[in-house]
Amino acid sequence: MNIWRTDDSTLYHADHYTVRHLFESSHIVVVWFGFMAGQVLRDHKTSSHALIQCLSGTIIVQAMGESTTLEAGMCAVLEPQSVHALYARERALVQLLIIPHPNHHTLVEELQLT
């Protein structure tokens, strides 16, 4: 059993957002991002579906030409290859689920199995 605490003060840093890889299996990756107000995770993408859940605070998700505000308890799902960015409006904790594990796609492409 894995136990994680959302009230862990080490999830936040004044100079940069934090990344905590919590769990990884052959099927899923679970990551927490701790943001202070004004911190940004710039444009990036993943080859898998990304479920972005705001656990505390408020963030803005920009993807596919749209901006959406997520407050604690809200989540959004992004399609594979969607370029997206996260902006923290206040101190926030974000949970990211990447499904399936990106290795599944990478190996398919590298081994030319498509």
PDB file of N, CA and C in Angstrom:
ATOM      1  N   MET A   1       0.845  -1.174   0.000  1.00  0.00           N
ATOM      2  CA  MET A   1       0.000   0.000   0.000  1.00  0.00           C
ATOM      3  C   MET A   1       0.889   1.235   0.000  1.00  0.00           C
ATOM      4  N   ASN A   2       0.540   2.207  -0.829  1.00  0.00           N
ATOM      5  CA  ASN A   2       1.236   3.489  -0.868  1.00  0.00           C
ATOM      6  C   ASN A   2       0.360   4.550  -0.226  1.00  0.00           C
ATOM      7  N   ILE A   3       0.951   5.362   0.629  1.00  0.00           N
ATOM      8  CA  ILE A   3       0.221   6.434   1.308  1.00  0.00           C
ATOM      9  C   ILE A   3       0.896   7.757   0.974  1.00  0.00           C
ATOM     10  N   TRP A   4       0.105   8.758   0.551  1.00  0.00           N
ATOM     11  CA  TRP A   4       0.625  10.087   0.251  1.00  0.00           C
ATOM     12  C   TRP A   4      -0.224  11.107   0.987  1.00  0.00           C
ATOM     13  N   ARG A   5       0.403  12.184   1.401  1.00  0.00           N
ATOM     14  CA  ARG A   5      -0.305  13.213   2.161  1.00  0.00           C
ATOM     15  C   ARG A   5      -0.326  14.528   1.397  1.00  0.00           C
ATOM     16  N   THR A   6      -1.510  15.071   1.216  1.00  0.00           N
ATOM     17  CA  THR A   6      -1.642  16.339   0.501  1.00  0.00           C
ATOM     18  C   THR A   6      -1.192  17.527   1.353  1.00  0.00           C
ATOM     19  N   ASP A   7      -1.033  17.336   2.665  1.00  0.00           N
ATOM     20  CA  ASP A   7      -0.596  18.430   3.540  1.00  0.00           C
ATOM     21  C   ASP A   7       0.924  18.430   3.759  1.00  0.00           C
ATOM     22  N   ASP A   8       1.677  17.718   2.932  1.00  0.00           N
ATOM     23  CA  ASP A   8       3.131  17.648   3.024  1.00  0.00           C
ATOM     24  C   ASP A   8       3.730  18.977   2.556  1.00  0.00           C
ATOM     25  N   SER A   9       4.357  19.717   3.455  1.00  0.00           N
ATOM     26  CA  SER A   9       4.892  21.042   3.113  1.00  0.00           C
ATOM     27  C   SER A   9       6.043  20.971   2.109  1.00  0.00           C
ATOM     28  N   THR A  10       6.689  19.821   1.952  1.00  0.00           N
ATOM     29  CA  THR A  10       7.789  19.707   0.992  1.00  0.00           C
ATOM     30  C   THR A  10       7.281  19.628  -0.461  1.00  0.00           C
ATOM     31  N   LEU A  11       5.978  19.634  -0.654  1.00  0.00           N
ATOM     32  CA  LEU A  11       5.414  19.639  -2.006  1.00  0.00           C
ATOM     33  C   LEU A  11       5.512  21.011  -2.670  1.00  0.00           C
ATOM     34  N   TYR A  12       5.916  22.027  -1.917  1.00  0.00           N
ATOM     35  CA  TYR A  12       5.932  23.393  -2.432  1.00  0.00           C
ATOM     36  C   TYR A  12       7.307  24.020  -2.249  1.00  0.00           C
ATOM     37  N   HIS A  13       7.737  24.786  -3.257  1.00  0.00           N
ATOM     38  CA  HIS A  13       9.018  25.486  -3.207  1.00  0.00           C
ATOM     39  C   HIS A  13       8.808  26.883  -3.782  1.00  0.00           C
ATOM     40  N   ALA A  14       9.347  27.876  -3.136  1.00  0.00           N
ATOM     41  CA  ALA A  14       9.129  29.264  -3.555  1.00  0.00           C
ATOM     42  C   ALA A  14       9.723  29.584  -4.923  1.00  0.00           C
ATOM     43  N   ASP A  15      10.797  28.893  -5.330  1.00  0.00           N
ATOM     44  CA  ASP A  15      11.502  29.238  -6.560  1.00  0.00           C
ATOM     45  C   ASP A  15      11.049  28.462  -7.792  1.00  0.00           C
ATOM     46  N   HIS A  16      10.361  27.354  -7.607  1.00  0.00           N
ATOM     47  CA  HIS A  16       9.965  26.527  -8.747  1.00  0.00           C
ATOM     48  C   HIS A  16       8.877  25.544  -8.320  1.00  0.00           C
ATOM     49  N   TYR A  17       8.131  25.055  -9.292  1.00  0.00           N
ATOM     50  CA  TYR A  17       7.141  24.033  -8.959  1.00  0.00           C
ATOM     51  C   TYR A  17       7.882  22.738  -8.620  1.00  0.00           C
ATOM     52  N   THR A  18       7.228  21.882  -7.867  1.00  0.00           N
ATOM     53  CA  THR A  18       7.841  20.604  -7.497  1.00  0.00           C
ATOM     54  C   THR A  18       7.144  19.468  -8.229  1.00  0.00           C
ATOM     55  N   VAL A  19       7.880  18.399  -8.429  1.00  0.00           N
ATOM     56  CA  VAL A  19       7.354  17.211  -9.095  1.00  0.00           C
ATOM     57  C   VAL A  19       7.624  16.029  -8.195  1.00  0.00           C
ATOM     58  N   ARG A  20       6.578  15.275  -7.882  1.00  0.00           N
ATOM     59  CA  ARG A  20       6.724  14.091  -7.050  1.00  0.00           C
ATOM     60  C   ARG A  20       6.131  12.899  -7.801  1.00  0.00           C
ATOM     61  N   HIS A  21       7.008  11.998  -8.268  1.00  0.00           N
ATOM     62  CA  HIS A  21       6.547  10.768  -8.919  1.00  0.00           C
ATOM     63  C   HIS A  21       6.100   9.817  -7.814  1.00  0.00           C
ATOM     64  N   LEU A  22       4.799   9.564  -7.745  1.00  0.00           N
ATOM     65  CA  LEU A  22       4.244   8.781  -6.641  1.00  0.00           C
ATOM     66  C   LEU A  22       4.141   7.296  -6.954  1.00  0.00           C
ATOM     67  N   PHE A  23       3.808   6.993  -8.200  1.00  0.00           N
ATOM     68  CA  PHE A  23       3.557   5.593  -8.521  1.00  0.00           C
ATOM     69  C   PHE A  23       3.723   5.392 -10.017  1.00  0.00           C
ATOM     70  N   GLU A  24       4.244   4.241 -10.368  1.00  0.00           N
ATOM     71  CA  GLU A  24       4.395   3.893 -11.776  1.00  0.00           C
ATOM     72  C   GLU A  24       4.262   2.386 -11.915  1.00  0.00           C
ATOM     73  N   SER A  25       3.475   1.974 -12.872  1.00  0.00           N
ATOM     74  CA  SER A  25       3.360   0.563 -13.216  1.00  0.00           C
ATOM     75  C   SER A  25       3.436   0.468 -14.731  1.00  0.00           C
ATOM     76  N   SER A  26       3.248  -0.701 -15.259  1.00  0.00           N
ATOM     77  CA  SER A  26       3.286  -0.845 -16.709  1.00  0.00           C
ATOM     78  C   SER A  26       2.059  -0.201 -17.368  1.00  0.00           C
ATOM     79  N   HIS A  27       1.068   0.203 -16.564  1.00  0.00           N
ATOM     80  CA  HIS A  27      -0.178   0.732 -17.117  1.00  0.00           C
ATOM     81  C   HIS A  27      -0.439   2.200 -16.825  1.00  0.00           C
ATOM     82  N   ILE A  28       0.142   2.728 -15.767  1.00  0.00           N
ATOM     83  CA  ILE A  28      -0.216   4.085 -15.337  1.00  0.00           C
ATOM     84  C   ILE A  28       0.977   4.763 -14.665  1.00  0.00           C
ATOM     85  N   VAL A  29       0.983   6.081 -14.752  1.00  0.00           N
ATOM     86  CA  VAL A  29       1.948   6.909 -14.026  1.00  0.00           C
ATOM     87  C   VAL A  29       1.139   7.911 -13.210  1.00  0.00           C
ATOM     88  N   VAL A  30       1.498   8.083 -11.930  1.00  0.00           N
ATOM     89  CA  VAL A  30       0.834   9.045 -11.051  1.00  0.00           C
ATOM     90  C   VAL A  30       1.893  10.039 -10.567  1.00  0.00           C
ATOM     91  N   VAL A  31       1.624  11.324 -10.816  1.00  0.00           N
ATOM     92  CA  VAL A  31       2.573  12.379 -10.468  1.00  0.00           C
ATOM     93  C   VAL A  31       1.815  13.501  -9.768  1.00  0.00           C
ATOM     94  N   TRP A  32       2.429  14.080  -8.735  1.00  0.00           N
ATOM     95  CA  TRP A  32       1.892  15.286  -8.108  1.00  0.00           C
ATOM     96  C   TRP A  32       2.789  16.458  -8.457  1.00  0.00           C
ATOM     97  N   PHE A  33       2.162  17.610  -8.745  1.00  0.00           N
ATOM     98  CA  PHE A  33       2.868  18.863  -8.972  1.00  0.00           C
ATOM     99  C   PHE A  33       2.433  19.837  -7.886  1.00  0.00           C
ATOM    100  N   GLY A  34       3.392  20.402  -7.187  1.00  0.00           N
ATOM    101  CA  GLY A  34       3.112  21.439  -6.200  1.00  0.00           C
ATOM    102  C   GLY A  34       3.494  22.794  -6.768  1.00  0.00           C
ATOM    103  N   PHE A  35       2.558  23.719  -6.782  1.00  0.00           N
ATOM    104  CA  PHE A  35       2.771  25.051  -7.345  1.00  0.00           C
ATOM    105  C   PHE A  35       2.562  26.118  -6.276  1.00  0.00           C
ATOM    106  N   MET A  36       3.370  27.140  -6.331  1.00  0.00           N
ATOM    107  CA  MET A  36       3.100  28.368  -5.596  1.00  0.00           C
ATOM    108  C   MET A  36       2.434  29.314  -6.594  1.00  0.00           C
ATOM    109  N   ALA A  37       1.755  30.332  -6.087  1.00  0.00           N
ATOM    110  CA  ALA A  37       1.058  31.288  -6.965  1.00  0.00           C
ATOM    111  C   ALA A  37       2.007  31.838  -8.021  1.00  0.00           C
ATOM    112  N   GLY A  38       1.564  31.834  -9.275  1.00  0.00           N
ATOM    113  CA  GLY A  38       2.336  32.394 -10.370  1.00  0.00           C
ATOM    114  C   GLY A  38       3.276  31.432 -11.066  1.00  0.00           C
ATOM    115  N   GLN A  39       3.485  30.249 -10.513  1.00  0.00           N
ATOM    116  CA  GLN A  39       4.384  29.290 -11.158  1.00  0.00           C
ATOM    117  C   GLN A  39       3.698  28.634 -12.356  1.00  0.00           C
ATOM    118  N   VAL A  40       4.512  28.257 -13.352  1.00  0.00           N
ATOM    119  CA  VAL A  40       3.993  27.784 -14.634  1.00  0.00           C
ATOM    120  C   VAL A  40       4.710  26.513 -15.056  1.00  0.00           C
ATOM    121  N   LEU A  41       3.934  25.553 -15.542  1.00  0.00           N
ATOM    122  CA  LEU A  41       4.480  24.387 -16.235  1.00  0.00           C
ATOM    123  C   LEU A  41       4.221  24.659 -17.707  1.00  0.00           C
ATOM    124  N   ARG A  42       5.255  25.036 -18.425  1.00  0.00           N
ATOM    125  CA  ARG A  42       5.138  25.495 -19.819  1.00  0.00           C
ATOM    126  C   ARG A  42       4.627  24.401 -20.760  1.00  0.00           C
ATOM    127  N   ASP A  43       4.315  24.795 -21.988  1.00  0.00           N
ATOM    128  CA  ASP A  43       3.782  23.887 -23.007  1.00  0.00           C
ATOM    129  C   ASP A  43       4.575  22.585 -23.094  1.00  0.00           C
ATOM    130  N   HIS A  44       3.848  21.493 -23.094  1.00  0.00           N
ATOM    131  CA  HIS A  44       4.427  20.157 -23.239  1.00  0.00           C
ATOM    132  C   HIS A  44       3.311  19.223 -23.696  1.00  0.00           C
ATOM    133  N   LYS A  45       3.640  17.978 -24.000  1.00  0.00           N
ATOM    134  CA  LYS A  45       2.612  17.015 -24.390  1.00  0.00           C
ATOM    135  C   LYS A  45       3.051  15.619 -23.977  1.00  0.00           C
ATOM    136  N   THR A  46       2.096  14.704 -23.996  1.00  0.00           N
ATOM    137  CA  THR A  46       2.368  13.307 -23.706  1.00  0.00           C
ATOM    138  C   THR A  46       1.712  12.452 -24.778  1.00  0.00           C
ATOM    139  N   SER A  47       2.236  11.263 -24.959  1.00  0.00           N
ATOM    140  CA  SER A  47       1.681  10.364 -25.980  1.00  0.00           C
ATOM    141  C   SER A  47       0.467   9.594 -25.465  1.00  0.00           C
ATOM    142  N   SER A  48       0.115   9.792 -24.212  1.00  0.00           N
ATOM    143  CA  SER A  48      -1.017   9.086 -23.596  1.00  0.00           C
ATOM    144  C   SER A  48      -2.103  10.069 -23.181  1.00  0.00           C
ATOM    145  N   HIS A  49      -3.227   9.540 -22.718  1.00  0.00           N
ATOM    146  CA  HIS A  49      -4.246  10.388 -22.109  1.00  0.00           C
ATOM    147  C   HIS A  49      -3.688  10.953 -20.808  1.00  0.00           C
ATOM    148  N   ALA A  50      -4.034  12.191 -20.498  1.00  0.00           N
ATOM    149  CA  ALA A  50      -3.605  12.834 -19.262  1.00  0.00           C
ATOM    150  C   ALA A  50      -4.834  13.295 -18.498  1.00  0.00           C
ATOM    151  N   LEU A  51      -5.008  12.771 -17.291  1.00  0.00           N
ATOM    152  CA  LEU A  51      -6.076  13.231 -16.418  1.00  0.00           C
ATOM    153  C   LEU A  51      -5.435  14.169 -15.413  1.00  0.00           C
ATOM    154  N   ILE A  52      -5.841  15.435 -15.456  1.00  0.00           N
ATOM    155  CA  ILE A  52      -5.294  16.472 -14.585  1.00  0.00           C
ATOM    156  C   ILE A  52      -6.349  16.787 -13.540  1.00  0.00           C
ATOM    157  N   GLN A  53      -6.002  16.563 -12.263  1.00  0.00           N
ATOM    158  CA  GLN A  53      -6.948  16.792 -11.173  1.00  0.00           C
ATOM    159  C   GLN A  53      -6.356  17.815 -10.208  1.00  0.00           C
ATOM    160  N   CYS A  54      -7.108  18.854  -9.941  1.00  0.00           N
ATOM    161  CA  CYS A  54      -6.694  19.866  -8.976  1.00  0.00           C
ATOM    162  C   CYS A  54      -7.108  19.392  -7.586  1.00  0.00           C
ATOM    163  N   LEU A  55      -6.125  19.088  -6.747  1.00  0.00           N
ATOM    164  CA  LEU A  55      -6.404  18.601  -5.395  1.00  0.00           C
ATOM    165  C   LEU A  55      -6.594  19.737  -4.403  1.00  0.00           C
ATOM    166  N   SER A  56      -5.895  20.857  -4.632  1.00  0.00           N
ATOM    167  CA  SER A  56      -6.068  22.044  -3.791  1.00  0.00           C
ATOM    168  C   SER A  56      -5.692  23.275  -4.597  1.00  0.00           C
ATOM    169  N   GLY A  57      -6.216  24.413  -4.198  1.00  0.00           N
ATOM    170  CA  GLY A  57      -5.906  25.657  -4.886  1.00  0.00           C
ATOM    171  C   GLY A  57      -6.655  25.799  -6.198  1.00  0.00           C
ATOM    172  N   THR A  58      -6.089  26.623  -7.091  1.00  0.00           N
ATOM    173  CA  THR A  58      -6.697  26.900  -8.383  1.00  0.00           C
ATOM    174  C   THR A  58      -5.607  26.980  -9.443  1.00  0.00           C
ATOM    175  N   ILE A  59      -5.843  26.322 -10.572  1.00  0.00           N
ATOM    176  CA  ILE A  59      -4.907  26.381 -11.697  1.00  0.00           C
ATOM    177  C   ILE A  59      -5.672  26.713 -12.971  1.00  0.00           C
ATOM    178  N   ILE A  60      -4.941  27.179 -13.950  1.00  0.00           N
ATOM    179  CA  ILE A  60      -5.493  27.376 -15.288  1.00  0.00           C
ATOM    180  C   ILE A  60      -4.810  26.368 -16.194  1.00  0.00           C
ATOM    181  N   VAL A  61      -5.610  25.611 -16.933  1.00  0.00           N
ATOM    182  CA  VAL A  61      -5.097  24.655 -17.909  1.00  0.00           C
ATOM    183  C   VAL A  61      -5.341  25.257 -19.283  1.00  0.00           C
ATOM    184  N   GLN A  62      -4.273  25.382 -20.058  1.00  0.00           N
ATOM    185  CA  GLN A  62      -4.408  25.840 -21.442  1.00  0.00           C
ATOM    186  C   GLN A  62      -4.107  24.664 -22.345  1.00  0.00           C
ATOM    187  N   ALA A  63      -5.061  24.358 -23.235  1.00  0.00           N
ATOM    188  CA  ALA A  63      -4.896  23.237 -24.165  1.00  0.00           C
ATOM    189  C   ALA A  63      -5.801  23.460 -25.360  1.00  0.00           C
ATOM    190  N   MET A  64      -5.308  23.124 -26.528  1.00  0.00           N
ATOM    191  CA  MET A  64      -6.087  23.165 -27.759  1.00  0.00           C
ATOM    192  C   MET A  64      -6.778  24.510 -27.964  1.00  0.00           C
ATOM    193  N   GLY A  65      -6.075  25.600 -27.647  1.00  0.00           N
ATOM    194  CA  GLY A  65      -6.615  26.932 -27.854  1.00  0.00           C
ATOM    195  C   GLY A  65      -7.630  27.380 -26.819  1.00  0.00           C
ATOM    196  N   GLU A  66      -7.809  26.612 -25.756  1.00  0.00           N
ATOM    197  CA  GLU A  66      -8.772  26.955 -24.711  1.00  0.00           C
ATOM    198  C   GLU A  66      -8.074  27.112 -23.371  1.00  0.00           C
ATOM    199  N   SER A  67      -8.638  27.950 -22.518  1.00  0.00           N
ATOM    200  CA  SER A  67      -8.190  28.085 -21.138  1.00  0.00           C
ATOM    201  C   SER A  67      -9.338  27.699 -20.223  1.00  0.00           C
ATOM    202  N   THR A  68      -9.041  26.841 -19.254  1.00  0.00           N
ATOM    203  CA  THR A  68     -10.047  26.389 -18.300  1.00  0.00           C
ATOM    204  C   THR A  68      -9.485  26.515 -16.888  1.00  0.00           C
ATOM    205  N   THR A  69     -10.275  27.049 -15.998  1.00  0.00           N
ATOM    206  CA  THR A  69      -9.874  27.156 -14.603  1.00  0.00           C
ATOM    207  C   THR A  69     -10.340  25.914 -13.857  1.00  0.00           C
ATOM    208  N   LEU A  70      -9.402  25.268 -13.176  1.00  0.00           N
ATOM    209  CA  LEU A  70      -9.732  24.123 -12.330  1.00  0.00           C
ATOM    210  C   LEU A  70      -9.518  24.505 -10.880  1.00  0.00           C
ATOM    211  N   GLU A  71     -10.540  24.296 -10.067  1.00  0.00           N
ATOM    212  CA  GLU A  71     -10.452  24.500  -8.628  1.00  0.00           C
ATOM    213  C   GLU A  71     -10.376  23.143  -7.964  1.00  0.00           C
ATOM    214  N   ALA A  72     -10.077  23.125  -6.678  1.00  0.00           N
ATOM    215  CA  ALA A  72      -9.977  21.869  -5.930  1.00  0.00           C
ATOM    216  C   ALA A  72     -11.214  21.016  -6.170  1.00  0.00           C
ATOM    217  N   GLY A  73     -10.978  19.753  -6.515  1.00  0.00           N
ATOM    218  CA  GLY A  73     -12.063  18.820  -6.766  1.00  0.00           C
ATOM    219  C   GLY A  73     -12.461  18.702  -8.226  1.00  0.00           C
ATOM    220  N   MET A  74     -11.854  19.511  -9.091  1.00  0.00           N
ATOM    221  CA  MET A  74     -12.175  19.459 -10.522  1.00  0.00           C
ATOM    222  C   MET A  74     -11.052  18.760 -11.275  1.00  0.00           C
ATOM    223  N   CYS A  75     -11.404  18.159 -12.412  1.00  0.00           N
ATOM    224  CA  CYS A  75     -10.379  17.532 -13.244  1.00  0.00           C
ATOM    225  C   CYS A  75     -10.729  17.696 -14.710  1.00  0.00           C
ATOM    226  N   ALA A  76      -9.708  17.469 -15.541  1.00  0.00           N
ATOM    227  CA  ALA A  76      -9.867  17.542 -16.994  1.00  0.00           C
ATOM    228  C   ALA A  76      -9.070  16.399 -17.600  1.00  0.00           C
ATOM    229  N   VAL A  77      -9.553  15.886 -18.722  1.00  0.00           N
ATOM    230  CA  VAL A  77      -8.842  14.832 -19.446  1.00  0.00           C
ATOM    231  C   VAL A  77      -8.383  15.402 -20.779  1.00  0.00           C
ATOM    232  N   LEU A  78      -7.116  15.196 -21.091  1.00  0.00           N
ATOM    233  CA  LEU A  78      -6.554  15.645 -22.359  1.00  0.00           C
ATOM    234  C   LEU A  78      -6.244  14.446 -23.232  1.00  0.00           C
ATOM    235  N   GLU A  79      -6.501  14.603 -24.501  1.00  0.00           N
ATOM    236  CA  GLU A  79      -6.219  13.558 -25.479  1.00  0.00           C
ATOM    237  C   GLU A  79      -4.708  13.450 -25.698  1.00  0.00           C
ATOM    238  N   PRO A  80      -4.235  12.295 -26.153  1.00  0.00           N
ATOM    239  CA  PRO A  80      -2.814  12.155 -26.475  1.00  0.00           C
ATOM    240  C   PRO A  80      -2.365  13.217 -27.482  1.00  0.00           C
ATOM    241  N   GLN A  81      -1.134  13.646 -27.346  1.00  0.00           N
ATOM    242  CA  GLN A  81      -0.481  14.632 -28.215  1.00  0.00           C
ATOM    243  C   GLN A  81      -1.029  16.054 -28.072  1.00  0.00           C
ATOM    244  N   SER A  82      -1.888  16.298 -27.092  1.00  0.00           N
ATOM    245  CA  SER A  82      -2.406  17.652 -26.863  1.00  0.00           C
ATOM    246  C   SER A  82      -1.348  18.493 -26.158  1.00  0.00           C
ATOM    247  N   VAL A  83      -0.931  19.566 -26.797  1.00  0.00           N
ATOM    248  CA  VAL A  83       0.000  20.487 -26.158  1.00  0.00           C
ATOM    249  C   VAL A  83      -0.778  21.239 -25.080  1.00  0.00           C
ATOM    250  N   HIS A  84      -0.211  21.293 -23.869  1.00  0.00           N
ATOM    251  CA  HIS A  84      -0.912  21.942 -22.770  1.00  0.00           C
ATOM    252  C   HIS A  84       0.078  22.580 -21.802  1.00  0.00           C
ATOM    253  N   ALA A  85      -0.423  23.514 -21.002  1.00  0.00           N
ATOM    254  CA  ALA A  85       0.370  24.207 -19.996  1.00  0.00           C
ATOM    255  C   ALA A  85      -0.505  24.411 -18.761  1.00  0.00           C
ATOM    256  N   LEU A  86       0.140  24.536 -17.605  1.00  0.00           N
ATOM    257  CA  LEU A  86      -0.559  24.774 -16.346  1.00  0.00           C
ATOM    258  C   LEU A  86      -0.031  26.056 -15.710  1.00  0.00           C
ATOM    259  N   TYR A  87      -0.936  26.879 -15.215  1.00  0.00           N
ATOM    260  CA  TYR A  87      -0.604  28.128 -14.554  1.00  0.00           C
ATOM    261  C   TYR A  87      -1.274  28.137 -13.181  1.00  0.00           C
ATOM    262  N   ALA A  88      -0.506  28.381 -12.138  1.00  0.00           N
ATOM    263  CA  ALA A  88      -1.066  28.399 -10.783  1.00  0.00           C
ATOM    264  C   ALA A  88      -1.542  29.802 -10.435  1.00  0.00           C
ATOM    265  N   ARG A  89      -2.813  29.910 -10.113  1.00  0.00           N
ATOM    266  CA  ARG A  89      -3.367  31.201  -9.682  1.00  0.00           C
ATOM    267  C   ARG A  89      -3.092  31.433  -8.208  1.00  0.00           C
ATOM    268  N   GLU A  90      -2.900  30.350  -7.483  1.00  0.00           N
ATOM    269  CA  GLU A  90      -2.587  30.393  -6.055  1.00  0.00           C
ATOM    270  C   GLU A  90      -1.858  29.096  -5.735  1.00  0.00           C
ATOM    271  N   ARG A  91      -1.432  28.929  -4.505  1.00  0.00           N
ATOM    272  CA  ARG A  91      -0.782  27.669  -4.150  1.00  0.00           C
ATOM    273  C   ARG A  91      -1.726  26.517  -4.499  1.00  0.00           C
ATOM    274  N   ALA A  92      -1.198  25.534  -5.222  1.00  0.00           N
ATOM    275  CA  ALA A  92      -2.062  24.453  -5.710  1.00  0.00           C
ATOM    276  C   ALA A  92      -1.299  23.139  -5.755  1.00  0.00           C
ATOM    277  N   LEU A  93      -2.045  22.070  -5.554  1.00  0.00           N
ATOM    278  CA  LEU A  93      -1.516  20.721  -5.703  1.00  0.00           C
ATOM    279  C   LEU A  93      -2.311  20.042  -6.810  1.00  0.00           C
ATOM    280  N   VAL A  94      -1.597  19.515  -7.798  1.00  0.00           N
ATOM    281  CA  VAL A  94      -2.221  18.916  -8.976  1.00  0.00           C
ATOM    282  C   VAL A  94      -1.779  17.466  -9.092  1.00  0.00           C
ATOM    283  N   GLN A  95      -2.729  16.588  -9.310  1.00  0.00           N
ATOM    284  CA  GLN A  95      -2.431  15.174  -9.553  1.00  0.00           C
ATOM    285  C   GLN A  95      -2.578  14.891 -11.043  1.00  0.00           C
ATOM    286  N   LEU A  96      -1.569  14.242 -11.594  1.00  0.00           N
ATOM    287  CA  LEU A  96      -1.576  13.865 -12.997  1.00  0.00           C
ATOM    288  C   LEU A  96      -1.569  12.349 -13.106  1.00  0.00           C
ATOM    289  N   LEU A  97      -2.515  11.813 -13.867  1.00  0.00           N
ATOM    290  CA  LEU A  97      -2.534  10.392 -14.196  1.00  0.00           C
ATOM    291  C   LEU A  97      -2.274  10.281 -15.688  1.00  0.00           C
ATOM    292  N   ILE A  98      -1.263   9.517 -16.059  1.00  0.00           N
ATOM    293  CA  ILE A  98      -0.942   9.285 -17.462  1.00  0.00           C
ATOM    294  C   ILE A  98      -1.302   7.844 -17.769  1.00  0.00           C
ATOM    295  N   ILE A  99      -2.273   7.672 -18.701  1.00  0.00           N
ATOM    296  CA  ILE A  99      -2.823   6.345 -18.986  1.00  0.00           C
ATOM    297  C   ILE A  99      -2.921   6.150 -20.497  1.00  0.00           C
ATOM    298  N   PRO A 100      -2.421   5.085 -21.087  1.00  0.00           N
ATOM    299  CA  PRO A 100      -1.530   4.104 -20.469  1.00  0.00           C
ATOM    300  C   PRO A 100      -0.126   4.689 -20.315  1.00  0.00           C
ATOM    301  N   HIS A 101       0.735   3.939 -19.657  1.00  0.00           N
ATOM    302  CA  HIS A 101       2.113   4.373 -19.472  1.00  0.00           C
ATOM    303  C   HIS A 101       2.687   4.758 -20.833  1.00  0.00           C
ATOM    304  N   PRO A 102       3.361   5.902 -20.943  1.00  0.00           N
ATOM    305  CA  PRO A 102       3.907   6.337 -22.235  1.00  0.00           C
ATOM    306  C   PRO A 102       4.856   5.330 -22.895  1.00  0.00           C
ATOM    307  N   ASN A 103       5.456   4.449 -22.139  1.00  0.00           N
ATOM    308  CA  ASN A 103       6.342   3.439 -22.731  1.00  0.00           C
ATOM    309  C   ASN A 103       5.620   2.580 -23.760  1.00  0.00           C
ATOM    310  N   HIS A 104       4.337   2.359 -23.569  1.00  0.00           N
ATOM    311  CA  HIS A 104       3.579   1.551 -24.525  1.00  0.00           C
ATOM    312  C   HIS A 104       3.626   2.178 -25.913  1.00  0.00           C
ATOM    313  N   HIS A 105       3.454   3.497 -25.980  1.00  0.00           N
ATOM    314  CA  HIS A 105       3.472   4.193 -27.264  1.00  0.00           C
ATOM    315  C   HIS A 105       4.887   4.292 -27.817  1.00  0.00           C
ATOM    316  N   THR A 106       5.840   4.620 -26.939  1.00  0.00           N
ATOM    317  CA  THR A 106       7.209   4.796 -27.369  1.00  0.00           C
ATOM    318  C   THR A 106       7.755   3.527 -27.997  1.00  0.00           C
ATOM    319  N   LEU A 107       7.498   2.398 -27.366  1.00  0.00           N
ATOM    320  CA  LEU A 107       8.007   1.133 -27.907  1.00  0.00           C
ATOM    321  C   LEU A 107       7.360   0.800 -29.235  1.00  0.00           C
ATOM    322  N   VAL A 108       6.088   1.073 -29.358  1.00  0.00           N
ATOM    323  CA  VAL A 108       5.403   0.802 -30.619  1.00  0.00           C
ATOM    324  C   VAL A 108       6.052   1.588 -31.744  1.00  0.00           C
ATOM    325  N   GLU A 109       6.325   2.869 -31.493  1.00  0.00           N
ATOM    326  CA  GLU A 109       6.942   3.714 -32.511  1.00  0.00           C
ATOM    327  C   GLU A 109       8.384   3.293 -32.788  1.00  0.00           C
ATOM    328  N   GLU A 110       9.167   3.062 -31.718  1.00  0.00           N
ATOM    329  CA  GLU A 110      10.581   2.719 -31.884  1.00  0.00           C
ATOM    330  C   GLU A 110      10.758   1.398 -32.613  1.00  0.00           C
ATOM    331  N   LEU A 111       9.902   0.440 -32.326  1.00  0.00           N
ATOM    332  CA  LEU A 111      10.016  -0.885 -32.951  1.00  0.00           C
ATOM    333  C   LEU A 111       9.234  -0.964 -34.253  1.00  0.00           C
ATOM    334  N   GLN A 112       8.627   0.135 -34.641  1.00  0.00           N
ATOM    335  CA  GLN A 112       7.830   0.218 -35.867  1.00  0.00           C
ATOM    336  C   GLN A 112       6.785  -0.893 -35.948  1.00  0.00           C
ATOM    337  N   LEU A 113       6.026  -1.016 -34.872  1.00  0.00           N
ATOM    338  CA  LEU A 113       5.009  -2.063 -34.785  1.00  0.00           C
ATOM    339  C   LEU A 113       3.662  -1.589 -35.309  1.00  0.00           C
ATOM    340  N   THR A 114       3.568  -0.375 -35.781  1.00  0.00           N
ATOM    341  CA  THR A 114       2.268   0.129 -36.266  1.00  0.00           C
ATOM    342  C   THR A 114       2.045  -0.233 -37.717  1.00  0.00           C
TER     343      THR A 114
END
